[in-house]
Amino acid sequence: MIAFYHPSKSGKGFASSFQYSKKDNTVYAQIIKQYGWDDESQTGTFKESMKDPNKKISIKLSPIEVSAIIDCIERNRTFKTFHDNSEFPKTINFSQWIMGDVSKGFSFSVGISSKQDSEFKNSFYIGLTFPEARYLREYLVFCLNEIFINAGASQYNPATSVVEKQDDEDLNANF
């Protein structure tokens, strides 16, 4: 597992983690909102947000989605996808992180809405600096290798992923 922490004094920071699961032979990503700020130690706190489902989001990334994130980092592209389920569909975006006219690295965001309550929306975001994105890339390559080793490369068929649309220019895929 790797983790990134971006707390802020305003209490609006985020933390993110990526973890390979040998049990599922897949990668999980999580983003969590900052809970608070400790002025004395100058650190953000996140642990309390783990108990609040409105302050954390977990997503399961397919090998194709993991590969798309790697491609984004390598070729400075954007990846957008959609995870549908019966209650809470999620939009996932991995793209350039630009502040003003300066590229700071990459942003990873997940938005969630409710099919039962059209007013419910929640979003999670973390910016990754270029070194952090490189670190993530290396970890995701490691995860893909583990997926191939544990499932057997011949057993994984990317055609079994339900890909409705893939635009080579933007690398947009809908799952």
Protein backbone atom coordinates (compact mmCIF):
# COMPACT_ATOMS: atom_id res chain seq x y z
CA MET A 1 0.00 0.00 0.00
CA ILE A 2 1.09 3.54 -0.67
CA ALA A 3 -0.45 6.69 0.76
CA PHE A 4 -0.36 10.41 0.08
CA TYR A 5 -1.21 13.05 2.69
CA HIS A 6 -2.11 16.63 1.84
CA PRO A 7 -3.49 18.26 4.99
CA SER A 8 -4.19 21.98 5.18
CA LYS A 9 -4.58 24.44 8.04
CA SER A 10 -8.09 25.19 6.79
CA GLY A 11 -9.04 21.55 7.40
CA LYS A 12 -9.91 21.01 3.74
CA GLY A 13 -7.08 18.61 2.88
CA PHE A 14 -7.26 15.09 1.60
CA ALA A 15 -5.33 11.84 1.89
CA SER A 16 -5.31 8.99 -0.59
CA SER A 17 -4.11 5.41 -0.65
CA PHE A 18 -3.73 2.71 -3.27
CA GLN A 19 -3.60 -0.91 -2.24
CA TYR A 20 -3.18 -4.15 -4.12
CA SER A 21 -5.43 -6.95 -2.85
CA LYS A 22 -4.10 -10.41 -3.48
CA LYS A 23 -7.48 -11.81 -2.39
CA ASP A 24 -9.33 -9.95 -5.17
CA ASN A 25 -6.28 -9.64 -7.44
CA THR A 26 -7.14 -5.99 -7.97
CA VAL A 27 -6.24 -2.48 -6.86
CA TYR A 28 -8.31 -0.39 -4.48
CA ALA A 29 -8.03 3.38 -4.23
CA GLN A 30 -9.33 5.41 -1.33
CA ILE A 31 -9.62 9.15 -0.79
CA ILE A 32 -10.45 10.57 2.61
CA LYS A 33 -11.29 14.11 3.67
CA GLN A 34 -9.31 15.79 6.43
CA TYR A 35 -11.02 15.78 9.82
CA GLY A 36 -9.14 18.55 11.55
CA TRP A 37 -5.92 20.45 12.14
CA ASP A 38 -3.67 20.43 15.23
CA ASP A 39 -2.07 23.88 15.56
CA GLU A 40 0.40 22.71 18.17
CA SER A 41 1.91 19.90 16.07
CA GLN A 42 1.08 21.56 12.71
CA THR A 43 -0.46 18.34 11.41
CA GLY A 44 -3.74 17.36 9.88
CA THR A 45 -5.89 14.59 11.29
CA PHE A 46 -7.72 12.03 9.17
CA LYS A 47 -8.44 9.03 11.40
CA GLU A 48 -11.81 10.28 12.62
CA SER A 49 -13.02 10.66 9.01
CA MET A 50 -12.64 6.89 8.52
CA LYS A 51 -15.81 6.45 10.61
CA ASP A 52 -17.90 8.82 8.46
CA PRO A 53 -19.07 7.39 5.10
CA ASN A 54 -19.50 10.95 3.76
CA LYS A 55 -15.82 11.69 4.32
CA LYS A 56 -14.24 8.71 2.56
CA ILE A 57 -14.62 6.90 -0.73
CA SER A 58 -13.20 3.58 -1.88
CA ILE A 59 -13.13 2.36 -5.45
CA LYS A 60 -12.01 -0.85 -7.08
CA LEU A 61 -9.82 -0.27 -10.14
CA SER A 62 -9.74 -2.82 -12.94
CA PRO A 63 -6.40 -3.67 -14.56
CA ILE A 64 -7.44 -1.56 -17.57
CA GLU A 65 -8.17 1.41 -15.29
CA VAL A 66 -4.82 0.94 -13.55
CA SER A 67 -3.17 0.89 -16.98
CA ALA A 68 -5.04 4.05 -17.96
CA ILE A 69 -3.70 5.90 -14.91
CA ILE A 70 -0.17 4.76 -15.77
CA ASP A 71 -0.73 6.00 -19.33
CA CYS A 72 -1.92 9.37 -18.01
CA ILE A 73 1.24 9.81 -15.99
CA GLU A 74 3.52 8.71 -18.81
CA ARG A 75 1.87 10.70 -21.59
CA ASN A 76 0.18 13.56 -19.72
CA ARG A 77 -3.30 12.45 -20.75
CA THR A 78 -6.69 12.55 -19.05
CA PHE A 79 -8.60 9.48 -17.95
CA LYS A 80 -12.29 9.62 -17.05
CA THR A 81 -14.52 6.71 -16.23
CA PHE A 82 -17.81 5.91 -14.56
CA HIS A 83 -18.66 3.16 -12.07
CA ASP A 84 -22.36 2.46 -11.99
CA ASN A 85 -24.16 0.62 -9.23
CA SER A 86 -27.72 0.39 -7.97
CA GLU A 87 -27.43 3.23 -5.46
CA PHE A 88 -24.31 5.40 -5.74
CA PRO A 89 -22.67 5.83 -9.15
CA LYS A 90 -19.16 7.26 -9.16
CA THR A 91 -17.23 9.36 -11.66
CA ILE A 92 -13.45 8.98 -11.62
CA ASN A 93 -11.01 11.44 -13.12
CA PHE A 94 -7.23 11.37 -13.33
CA SER A 95 -5.81 14.40 -15.15
CA GLN A 96 -3.31 17.24 -15.09
CA TRP A 97 -3.27 19.36 -11.93
CA ILE A 98 -2.99 22.94 -13.11
CA MET A 99 -2.94 26.02 -10.91
CA GLY A 100 -3.04 29.20 -12.94
CA ASP A 101 -0.76 28.57 -15.87
CA VAL A 102 1.49 26.11 -14.04
CA SER A 103 1.19 22.33 -14.12
CA LYS A 104 1.76 21.04 -10.58
CA GLY A 105 1.36 17.34 -11.33
CA PHE A 106 -1.82 15.28 -11.54
CA SER A 107 -5.19 15.34 -9.82
CA PHE A 108 -7.18 12.30 -8.82
CA SER A 109 -10.85 12.85 -8.08
CA VAL A 110 -13.95 10.79 -7.42
CA GLY A 111 -17.46 12.17 -7.46
CA ILE A 112 -20.43 10.30 -6.07
CA SER A 113 -24.16 10.86 -6.47
CA SER A 114 -27.30 9.06 -5.43
CA LYS A 115 -29.90 7.52 -7.71
CA GLN A 116 -32.50 7.84 -4.93
CA ASP A 117 -31.69 11.45 -3.92
CA SER A 118 -30.91 13.72 -6.88
CA GLU A 119 -29.59 16.45 -4.55
CA PHE A 120 -26.95 14.23 -2.94
CA LYS A 121 -23.50 14.81 -4.37
CA ASN A 122 -20.10 14.43 -2.78
CA SER A 123 -16.63 14.82 -4.21
CA PHE A 124 -13.14 13.78 -3.21
CA TYR A 125 -9.93 15.18 -4.66
CA ILE A 126 -6.19 14.99 -4.16
CA GLY A 127 -3.44 16.64 -6.11
CA LEU A 128 -0.29 14.59 -6.68
CA THR A 129 3.00 16.35 -7.37
CA PHE A 130 5.13 15.04 -10.22
CA PRO A 131 7.33 13.01 -7.81
CA GLU A 132 4.23 11.57 -6.12
CA ALA A 133 2.76 10.68 -9.52
CA ARG A 134 6.00 8.91 -10.43
CA TYR A 135 5.85 7.01 -7.14
CA LEU A 136 2.22 6.06 -7.88
CA ARG A 137 3.16 4.97 -11.39
CA GLU A 138 5.86 2.63 -10.08
CA TYR A 139 3.48 1.15 -7.53
CA LEU A 140 0.74 0.62 -10.12
CA VAL A 141 3.22 -1.12 -12.46
CA PHE A 142 4.11 -3.38 -9.52
CA CYS A 143 0.39 -4.05 -8.96
CA LEU A 144 -0.13 -5.00 -12.61
CA ASN A 145 2.79 -7.41 -12.38
CA GLU A 146 1.20 -8.98 -9.30
CA ILE A 147 -2.13 -9.27 -11.10
CA PHE A 148 -0.47 -11.07 -14.00
CA ILE A 149 1.56 -13.34 -11.73
CA ASN A 150 -1.37 -14.27 -9.48
CA ALA A 151 -3.98 -14.71 -12.19
CA GLY A 152 -1.69 -15.89 -14.92
CA ALA A 153 -1.34 -13.51 -17.85
CA SER A 154 -3.13 -15.95 -20.15
CA GLN A 155 -6.15 -16.03 -17.82
CA TYR A 156 -6.74 -12.26 -17.91
CA ASN A 157 -8.58 -11.06 -20.97
CA PRO A 158 -9.07 -7.29 -21.19
CA ALA A 159 -11.92 -7.88 -23.63
CA THR A 160 -14.00 -9.09 -20.67
CA SER A 161 -14.01 -5.51 -19.32
CA VAL A 162 -17.23 -3.79 -20.28
CA VAL A 163 -15.82 -0.90 -22.28
CA GLU A 164 -18.50 1.11 -24.01
CA LYS A 165 -16.36 3.89 -25.44
CA GLN A 166 -12.68 4.67 -25.68
CA ASP A 167 -11.59 7.92 -27.28
CA ASP A 168 -7.87 7.77 -28.04
CA GLU A 169 -7.51 11.54 -27.87
CA ASP A 170 -8.78 11.89 -24.30
CA LEU A 171 -8.62 8.25 -23.21
CA ASN A 172 -12.16 8.35 -21.91
CA ALA A 173 -13.61 4.97 -21.00
CA ASN A 174 -17.00 4.19 -19.57
CA PHE A 175 -17.32 1.09 -17.43
